[in-house]
Structure formats: C-alpha cells, structure tokens
Protein backbone atom coordinates (compact mmCIF):
# COMPACT_ATOMS: atom_id res chain seq x y z
CA MET A 1 60.67 -30.14 -8.69
CA ASN A 2 57.48 -30.35 -10.41
CA ALA A 3 55.76 -27.10 -11.10
CA GLY A 4 52.24 -28.68 -11.34
CA ARG A 5 52.43 -29.67 -7.75
CA TYR A 6 52.04 -25.96 -6.57
CA ARG A 7 48.81 -25.16 -8.46
CA GLY A 8 45.57 -24.51 -6.80
CA PHE A 9 44.60 -23.21 -3.20
CA THR A 10 45.21 -24.82 0.04
CA LEU A 11 42.37 -26.17 2.24
CA ILE A 12 43.37 -23.19 4.55
CA GLU A 13 42.78 -20.52 2.00
CA ILE A 14 39.39 -22.21 0.93
CA VAL A 15 38.19 -22.23 4.65
CA VAL A 16 39.24 -18.76 5.19
CA THR A 17 37.62 -17.41 1.98
CA VAL A 18 34.39 -19.40 2.89
CA ALA A 19 34.55 -18.02 6.27
CA ILE A 20 34.84 -14.35 5.05
CA VAL A 21 31.99 -14.77 2.67
CA GLY A 22 29.79 -16.34 5.44
CA LEU A 23 30.45 -13.45 7.59
CA LEU A 24 29.75 -10.61 4.94
CA ALA A 25 26.43 -12.55 4.17
CA THR A 26 25.23 -12.56 7.99
CA ALA A 27 26.09 -8.76 8.01
CA VAL A 28 24.10 -7.88 4.72
CA ALA A 29 20.94 -10.07 5.68
CA PRO A 30 19.65 -7.69 8.10
CA LEU A 31 20.37 -4.77 5.69
CA MET A 32 18.24 -6.62 3.15
CA GLU A 33 15.39 -7.30 5.41
CA LEU A 34 15.37 -3.47 6.37
CA SER A 35 15.49 -2.43 2.65
CA VAL A 36 12.47 -4.78 1.90
CA ARG A 37 10.50 -3.14 4.87
CA ARG A 38 11.21 0.35 3.67
CA GLY A 39 10.20 -0.56 0.29
CA LYS A 40 6.73 -2.16 1.70
CA GLU A 41 6.35 1.17 3.87
CA SER A 42 7.05 3.34 1.13
CA GLU A 43 4.37 1.59 -1.15
CA LEU A 44 1.98 1.85 1.81
CA ARG A 45 2.15 5.46 1.86
CA ARG A 46 1.90 5.81 -1.75
CA GLY A 47 -1.19 3.68 -1.91
CA LEU A 48 -2.86 5.55 1.13
CA GLN A 49 -2.04 8.95 -0.49
CA ASP A 50 -3.59 7.95 -3.84
CA ILE A 51 -6.61 6.65 -2.54
CA ARG A 52 -7.07 9.59 -0.16
CA GLU A 53 -6.58 11.86 -3.11
CA ALA A 54 -9.07 9.99 -5.24
CA LEU A 55 -11.70 10.24 -2.32
CA ASP A 56 -11.19 13.92 -2.05
CA GLU A 57 -11.55 14.12 -5.82
CA TYR A 58 -14.80 12.40 -5.82
CA LYS A 59 -16.08 14.43 -2.91
CA ALA A 60 -15.18 17.48 -4.79
CA ALA A 61 -17.04 16.29 -8.08
CA ALA A 62 -20.20 15.68 -5.79
CA ASP A 63 -20.15 19.08 -4.23
CA ASP A 64 -19.97 20.49 -7.86
CA GLY A 65 -23.07 18.42 -8.81
CA ARG A 66 -21.22 16.07 -11.23
CA ILE A 67 -22.33 13.11 -9.20
CA GLU A 68 -25.83 11.94 -8.74
CA MET A 69 -26.63 12.25 -4.95
CA GLU A 70 -29.45 11.10 -2.65
CA VAL A 71 -30.73 13.14 0.15
CA GLY A 72 -28.63 12.71 3.16
CA ASP A 73 -25.51 11.55 1.20
CA SER A 74 -22.17 12.87 2.50
CA GLY A 75 -20.68 13.06 -0.95
CA PHE A 76 -18.05 10.34 -0.50
CA PRO A 77 -18.32 7.14 -2.56
CA LYS A 78 -20.37 3.91 -1.10
CA GLU A 79 -17.50 1.85 -1.95
CA LEU A 80 -13.74 1.78 -3.25
CA VAL A 81 -14.35 0.07 -6.34
CA LEU A 82 -16.28 3.16 -7.54
CA LEU A 83 -13.06 5.03 -7.57
CA VAL A 84 -11.75 2.74 -10.53
CA GLU A 85 -15.11 1.82 -12.09
CA GLY A 86 -15.96 5.55 -12.34
CA VAL A 87 -19.51 7.15 -12.03
CA VAL A 88 -21.68 8.69 -14.43
CA ASP A 89 -21.03 12.67 -14.86
CA VAL A 90 -24.52 14.18 -14.65
CA LYS A 91 -23.29 17.43 -16.15
CA ASP A 92 -22.11 15.82 -19.18
CA PRO A 93 -24.58 15.79 -22.21
CA ASP A 94 -23.04 12.46 -23.41
CA GLY A 95 -23.35 10.83 -19.77
CA LYS A 96 -19.49 10.05 -19.86
CA LYS A 97 -18.03 8.45 -16.67
CA ILE A 98 -15.64 10.06 -14.17
CA TYR A 99 -12.68 7.84 -13.12
CA PHE A 100 -10.57 8.81 -10.04
CA LEU A 101 -8.04 5.89 -10.04
CA ARG A 102 -6.68 3.59 -12.83
CA ARG A 103 -6.60 0.88 -10.39
CA LEU A 104 -6.95 0.42 -6.72
CA PRO A 105 -3.36 0.02 -4.87
CA ARG A 106 -3.05 -3.08 -2.40
CA ASP A 107 -2.20 -2.70 1.33
CA PRO A 108 1.15 -4.17 0.79
CA LEU A 109 1.45 -5.28 4.42
CA TYR A 110 -1.87 -7.31 4.04
CA ALA A 111 -1.06 -10.93 5.03
CA ASP A 112 -3.36 -12.61 2.15
CA ALA A 113 -1.72 -11.76 -1.19
CA SER A 114 -4.81 -13.37 -3.03
CA ALA A 115 -7.53 -11.07 -1.51
CA PRO A 116 -8.79 -8.48 -3.87
CA ALA A 117 -7.46 -4.78 -3.12
CA ALA A 118 -10.50 -3.40 -1.96
CA GLU A 119 -10.38 -5.98 0.92
CA THR A 120 -7.01 -5.05 1.96
CA TRP A 121 -7.80 -1.70 3.57
CA GLY A 122 -9.81 -0.71 6.41
CA LEU A 123 -12.49 1.55 5.90
CA ARG A 124 -13.73 4.32 7.72
CA SER A 125 -17.21 6.24 7.18
CA TYR A 126 -17.88 9.90 7.29
CA GLU A 127 -19.79 9.65 10.40
CA SER A 128 -17.20 7.36 12.21
CA ASP A 129 -15.05 8.42 14.98
CA PRO A 130 -11.54 9.07 13.98
CA ASP A 131 -9.86 7.30 16.98
CA ASN A 132 -12.12 4.15 16.30
CA PRO A 133 -12.77 3.85 12.73
CA SER A 134 -15.45 1.88 11.27
CA PRO A 135 -17.18 1.25 8.09
CA GLY A 136 -20.59 2.68 7.22
CA ASP A 137 -22.53 4.08 4.48
CA ASP A 138 -19.61 5.69 2.72
CA VAL A 139 -15.88 5.59 2.40
CA PHE A 140 -14.33 8.83 3.97
CA ASP A 141 -10.87 7.33 4.65
CA VAL A 142 -8.74 4.26 4.60
CA TYR A 143 -6.22 2.84 6.71
CA SER A 144 -3.98 -0.20 7.05
CA MET A 145 -5.07 -3.30 8.93
CA ALA A 146 -1.52 -4.27 9.54
CA ARG A 147 -0.45 -4.94 12.99
CA GLY A 148 2.72 -3.28 14.31
CA ALA A 149 4.41 -0.10 13.79
CA GLY A 150 6.58 1.32 10.90
CA LEU A 151 10.24 2.36 11.13
CA ASN A 152 9.02 5.64 12.42
CA GLY A 153 7.36 4.28 15.50
CA ILE A 154 3.83 5.06 14.48
CA PRO A 155 1.52 2.27 14.32
CA TYR A 156 0.52 1.20 10.66
CA ARG A 157 -3.22 1.53 11.43
CA GLU A 158 -2.47 5.40 12.39
CA TRP A 159 -0.68 6.38 9.11
C-alpha cells in the first residue's frame, strides 16, 4: 500500500472542525458585545466623575476669590471649555491661569463621533430643576444624553 495515500484530513474531520469553531464563535460574540458595552459605561462613569470634580474645583476657586465673578454669578463656569482653557487667577500677582482639566472627556455613548467633546454632554445650570435639567447661565452639572439604560438598569441620563 502507498503510505502517501493516507495523509491529510478527511472531509468529515474538516466539516466537524468548522462546525465547532462556528459554534464557539457564536457563543463568544455576545460576550464580546457585553465587554464593549461595559468598557463604554466605565468610560462614561470616569468622564462624568472627572467633569464633576473639575466643576467642584472651579466653584471652590470662585468661592476662594481666585476667579473674577460678577454680581449674581453662581461661581460655576459659564461653559465647559473654561475647565480646559483655564481662567486667570486674580490672586496671583503674575496673572497666571488656573486649569481644571487637561482635556474635556467625550461622552462615549454619544452618536456623532465627530462632534466636539463639549457638545456630547447635556448641561444643567445651577438654577435648573434636578428632575428636568436644562442649560442656563452656568454649568452646574453634566449628564449623558444617550438613550437607554446601563447594565445596572439606571438610565444613562440619570448617572
């Protein structure tokens, strides 16, 4: 008998292998999707936390008299970009700026990837109702404008 005749895989072995690989791929796909969603939600939490901390630091600097304010101002920034662009420290003799963020994080769940980071967040002013946030003369808080709820069951808008 010719020994070369028995080399390689049979058609049945190849079909079974392809079927097993296909079955494993269909089982792994939902897990990958869940992993991507968890990653975006984690990035959303981190972005919200960073912006909210920066807003609180801005308010503390304003309360300390380091930021020039007009009568009636709440002490919160007029717009989010001020956290990155900085504001003049009125207590510094050289007039150096105070910076609160290195860069403004994006809402990872925002649909338009080309939109500027400041436009990806919903804004709530100091005088706005917490149950119905709306923009105003300042930025007291931010929220995600994404529809739907997180894996924890809480709507993204309420995070």
